[in-house]
Amino acid sequence: MIYGAGSVDATSTSTTTSKASATNPNEAQDRFLKLLVAQLQNQDPTNPMDNAQMTSQMAQINTVTGIQQLNQTMQTMAGQFTAMQVLQGTSMIGRTVLTDGNSLGVAADGTHTAAFDLDGAASSVKVQVTTASGEPVDTIDLGSGQAGRNYFTWKAAGKYTGDTSQLRYSVTALNGNAAVASTTLSPHAVIATGATNGSLTLELDNGQSLAYSGVKAVY
């Protein structure tokens, strides 16, 4: 702090500096210089301010100003990066993405393509298609399955005439008599892109927003 007869005390200076930090760097520097001039005008001639103190104060305000300017620059860059993400995300519009879930999604051509992950290889894999209320619609016997990502297709024609966008599916996988854990993935078409808290989001055909980090695959 700046000391001397008639000077602004530590509490006042700290409060002023704190308020200045909420403004732009030029205002903070202007406030500091006004305080410094007032200090010099009111100092005791018999006990003038030490040069080292003045140099220290100047260094502090320059550091604070530099940090504020850096913060403003980073905020501007973050905004530009978000805008660039959204622009690049427009290439996803019209594409289908896989995300955690068990709905079959909407099939424009009547064929649903979905996927699931298996924790290990399976000698028998069956997919059961149901309504949203759990009523069985069809069972697909896929035979064996490999560890990792597995895809399947299903056509509703001749098997279901209701709203196919509400259909769900479950997977039963066995390796011999041992059950193999699975994770179902839902397909959804991307209809728009946006940003939330600086991160790219995708607007899906079911009306939900999906963070880009939640995308498991694109096709």
Protein backbone atom coordinates (compact mmCIF):
# COMPACT_ATOMS: atom_id res chain seq x y z
CA MET A 1 0.00 0.00 0.00
CA ILE A 2 0.99 3.69 -0.26
CA TYR A 3 1.84 5.15 3.18
CA GLY A 4 2.48 8.66 4.41
CA ALA A 5 0.76 11.53 6.21
CA GLY A 6 -2.70 12.26 4.89
CA SER A 7 -2.67 9.14 2.70
CA VAL A 8 -5.61 6.94 1.87
CA ASP A 9 -5.56 4.06 4.39
CA ALA A 10 -5.17 0.38 3.52
CA THR A 11 -8.89 -0.42 3.83
CA SER A 12 -9.92 2.45 1.55
CA THR A 13 -7.28 1.60 -1.03
CA SER A 14 -8.22 -2.09 -0.97
CA THR A 15 -11.91 -1.26 -1.42
CA THR A 16 -11.18 1.10 -4.29
CA THR A 17 -8.93 -1.46 -5.98
CA SER A 18 -11.61 -4.14 -5.55
CA LYS A 19 -14.23 -1.93 -7.18
CA ALA A 20 -11.83 -1.05 -9.99
CA SER A 21 -11.27 -4.72 -10.70
CA ALA A 22 -14.91 -4.99 -11.67
CA THR A 23 -14.42 -2.36 -14.38
CA ASN A 24 -12.21 -2.31 -17.43
CA PRO A 25 -8.40 -2.09 -17.16
CA ASN A 26 -8.25 1.57 -18.26
CA GLU A 27 -10.60 2.60 -15.47
CA ALA A 28 -8.60 0.63 -12.90
CA GLN A 29 -5.37 2.30 -14.01
CA ASP A 30 -7.01 5.75 -13.99
CA ARG A 31 -8.27 5.23 -10.43
CA PHE A 32 -4.82 4.17 -9.31
CA LEU A 33 -3.09 7.19 -10.87
CA LYS A 34 -5.60 9.57 -9.23
CA LEU A 35 -4.91 7.97 -5.86
CA LEU A 36 -1.16 8.21 -6.46
CA VAL A 37 -1.38 11.91 -7.39
CA ALA A 38 -3.51 12.59 -4.29
CA GLN A 39 -0.94 10.73 -2.20
CA LEU A 40 1.95 12.78 -3.58
CA GLN A 41 0.08 16.06 -3.08
CA ASN A 42 -0.73 15.27 0.55
CA GLN A 43 2.44 13.55 1.69
CA ASP A 44 4.56 14.91 4.54
CA PRO A 45 7.50 16.86 2.96
CA THR A 46 9.70 15.77 5.86
CA ASN A 47 8.82 12.13 5.25
CA PRO A 48 8.29 11.71 1.49
CA MET A 49 7.19 8.49 -0.12
CA ASP A 50 9.93 5.94 -0.61
CA ASN A 51 10.82 5.35 -4.28
CA ALA A 52 10.72 1.60 -3.74
CA GLN A 53 7.11 1.89 -2.53
CA MET A 54 6.09 3.85 -5.62
CA THR A 55 7.83 1.37 -7.91
CA SER A 56 6.10 -1.53 -6.13
CA GLN A 57 2.70 0.13 -6.46
CA MET A 58 3.25 0.80 -10.17
CA ALA A 59 4.27 -2.80 -10.71
CA GLN A 60 1.15 -4.05 -8.89
CA ILE A 61 -1.27 -1.95 -10.91
CA ASN A 62 0.45 -2.96 -14.16
CA THR A 63 0.11 -6.62 -13.15
CA VAL A 64 -3.59 -6.23 -12.31
CA THR A 65 -4.23 -4.32 -15.54
CA GLY A 66 -2.39 -6.97 -17.56
CA ILE A 67 -4.43 -9.77 -15.98
CA GLN A 68 -7.70 -7.93 -16.70
CA GLN A 69 -6.70 -7.35 -20.30
CA LEU A 70 -5.75 -11.03 -20.61
CA ASN A 71 -9.13 -12.05 -19.18
CA GLN A 72 -10.95 -9.84 -21.67
CA THR A 73 -8.90 -11.30 -24.52
CA MET A 74 -9.64 -14.86 -23.38
CA GLN A 75 -13.37 -14.09 -23.09
CA THR A 76 -13.38 -12.72 -26.63
CA MET A 77 -11.51 -15.78 -27.90
CA ALA A 78 -13.90 -18.10 -26.06
CA GLY A 79 -16.88 -16.39 -27.71
CA GLN A 80 -15.26 -16.68 -31.13
CA PHE A 81 -14.44 -20.35 -30.52
CA THR A 82 -18.05 -21.08 -29.52
CA ALA A 83 -19.34 -19.36 -32.66
CA MET A 84 -16.88 -21.39 -34.75
CA GLN A 85 -18.05 -24.61 -33.05
CA VAL A 86 -21.68 -23.85 -33.87
CA LEU A 87 -20.78 -23.03 -37.48
CA GLN A 88 -18.83 -26.26 -37.87
CA GLY A 89 -21.66 -28.13 -36.16
CA THR A 90 -24.02 -27.25 -39.00
CA SER A 91 -22.34 -30.03 -40.98
CA MET A 92 -24.09 -32.42 -38.57
CA ILE A 93 -27.57 -31.27 -39.63
CA GLY A 94 -29.33 -34.08 -41.44
CA ARG A 95 -26.93 -36.70 -40.08
CA THR A 96 -27.91 -39.44 -37.62
CA VAL A 97 -26.15 -39.71 -34.28
CA LEU A 98 -26.11 -42.49 -31.70
CA THR A 99 -26.51 -41.62 -28.04
CA ASP A 100 -27.37 -43.48 -24.83
CA GLY A 101 -30.98 -44.68 -24.92
CA ASN A 102 -33.23 -47.49 -26.14
CA SER A 103 -35.57 -45.87 -28.66
CA LEU A 104 -35.46 -46.91 -32.31
CA GLY A 105 -35.81 -43.32 -33.47
CA VAL A 106 -37.47 -42.10 -36.66
CA ALA A 107 -36.85 -43.97 -39.93
CA ALA A 108 -37.56 -41.87 -43.01
CA ASP A 109 -37.24 -44.84 -45.37
CA GLY A 110 -39.02 -47.28 -43.06
CA THR A 111 -35.81 -48.95 -41.91
CA HIS A 112 -34.53 -48.40 -38.39
CA THR A 113 -30.80 -48.70 -37.77
CA ALA A 114 -29.71 -48.80 -34.14
CA ALA A 115 -26.77 -50.19 -32.19
CA PHE A 116 -25.65 -51.59 -28.87
CA ASP A 117 -22.35 -52.24 -27.12
CA LEU A 118 -21.50 -55.67 -25.70
CA ASP A 119 -19.10 -56.06 -22.78
CA GLY A 120 -17.84 -59.30 -24.34
CA ALA A 121 -18.38 -61.74 -27.19
CA ALA A 122 -21.77 -63.48 -27.24
CA SER A 123 -22.86 -66.69 -28.94
CA SER A 124 -26.52 -65.64 -28.95
CA VAL A 125 -27.90 -62.11 -29.32
CA LYS A 126 -31.58 -61.23 -29.58
CA VAL A 127 -33.20 -57.82 -29.87
CA GLN A 128 -36.79 -57.39 -28.75
CA VAL A 129 -38.76 -54.45 -30.14
CA THR A 130 -41.59 -53.14 -27.94
CA THR A 131 -44.00 -50.24 -27.71
CA ALA A 132 -43.30 -47.47 -25.21
CA SER A 133 -45.59 -49.28 -22.76
CA GLY A 134 -43.61 -52.54 -23.12
CA GLU A 135 -45.95 -54.45 -25.46
CA PRO A 136 -43.89 -56.85 -27.65
CA VAL A 137 -43.78 -56.00 -31.36
CA ASP A 138 -41.03 -58.19 -32.83
CA THR A 139 -37.95 -60.20 -31.91
CA ILE A 140 -34.77 -60.11 -34.02
CA ASP A 141 -32.35 -63.04 -33.77
CA LEU A 142 -28.88 -61.68 -34.62
CA GLY A 143 -26.99 -64.89 -33.94
CA SER A 144 -23.59 -64.21 -32.41
CA GLY A 145 -22.22 -60.81 -31.43
CA GLN A 146 -18.75 -59.36 -30.97
CA ALA A 147 -17.42 -57.41 -28.02
CA GLY A 148 -17.91 -53.69 -28.55
CA ARG A 149 -20.22 -51.96 -31.05
CA ASN A 150 -22.88 -54.02 -32.90
CA TYR A 151 -25.44 -52.62 -35.38
CA PHE A 152 -28.79 -54.00 -36.50
CA THR A 153 -31.63 -52.92 -38.80
CA TRP A 154 -35.37 -53.47 -38.49
CA LYS A 155 -38.34 -52.68 -40.73
CA ALA A 156 -41.77 -52.00 -39.27
CA ALA A 157 -43.60 -52.83 -42.51
CA GLY A 158 -46.02 -55.73 -41.96
CA LYS A 159 -45.16 -55.89 -38.26
CA TYR A 160 -46.31 -52.59 -36.76
CA THR A 161 -48.59 -49.83 -38.04
CA GLY A 162 -48.46 -47.42 -35.10
CA ASP A 163 -46.13 -44.53 -34.33
CA THR A 164 -42.68 -46.05 -34.86
CA SER A 165 -40.96 -43.05 -33.25
CA GLN A 166 -42.19 -44.34 -29.88
CA LEU A 167 -40.82 -47.87 -30.27
CA ARG A 168 -38.19 -49.16 -27.84
CA TYR A 169 -35.83 -52.12 -27.88
CA SER A 170 -33.87 -54.29 -25.48
CA VAL A 171 -30.97 -56.68 -25.97
CA THR A 172 -30.50 -60.16 -24.53
CA ALA A 173 -26.98 -61.52 -25.04
CA LEU A 174 -25.60 -64.86 -23.87
CA ASN A 175 -22.25 -66.55 -24.18
CA GLY A 176 -23.22 -70.14 -23.55
CA ASN A 177 -25.31 -69.90 -20.41
CA ALA A 178 -23.62 -66.74 -19.15
CA ALA A 179 -25.29 -63.38 -19.68
CA VAL A 180 -23.28 -60.67 -21.45
CA ALA A 181 -23.95 -57.08 -20.39
CA SER A 182 -25.06 -54.67 -23.10
CA THR A 183 -25.63 -50.93 -23.52
CA THR A 184 -28.33 -49.79 -25.93
CA LEU A 185 -27.81 -46.77 -28.18
CA SER A 186 -30.54 -44.69 -29.81
CA PRO A 187 -30.37 -43.19 -33.31
CA HIS A 188 -31.61 -39.61 -33.78
CA ALA A 189 -31.48 -37.19 -36.67
CA VAL A 190 -29.83 -33.80 -36.03
CA ILE A 191 -32.09 -30.91 -37.06
CA ALA A 192 -30.15 -27.91 -35.67
CA THR A 193 -27.08 -26.90 -33.69
CA GLY A 194 -26.51 -24.45 -30.87
CA ALA A 195 -24.32 -23.75 -27.84
CA THR A 196 -24.81 -24.06 -24.09
CA ASN A 197 -22.23 -22.65 -21.67
CA GLY A 198 -19.73 -22.40 -24.50
CA SER A 199 -20.14 -26.00 -25.64
CA LEU A 200 -21.66 -27.28 -28.88
CA THR A 201 -25.13 -28.84 -28.59
CA LEU A 202 -27.19 -30.71 -31.15
CA GLU A 203 -30.96 -30.35 -31.47
CA LEU A 204 -32.46 -33.78 -32.17
CA ASP A 205 -35.61 -34.90 -33.98
CA ASN A 206 -37.21 -35.87 -30.65
CA GLY A 207 -37.04 -32.26 -29.42
CA GLN A 208 -34.15 -32.83 -27.02
CA SER A 209 -30.76 -31.14 -26.90
CA LEU A 210 -27.64 -33.28 -26.81
CA ALA A 211 -24.17 -32.15 -25.79
CA TYR A 212 -21.69 -33.03 -28.52
CA SER A 213 -19.70 -35.01 -25.96
CA GLY A 214 -22.70 -37.37 -25.69
CA VAL A 215 -22.44 -38.49 -29.33
CA LYS A 216 -21.33 -42.14 -29.60
CA ALA A 217 -21.27 -42.37 -33.41
CA VAL A 218 -22.36 -40.49 -36.54
CA TYR A 219 -23.67 -41.96 -39.78
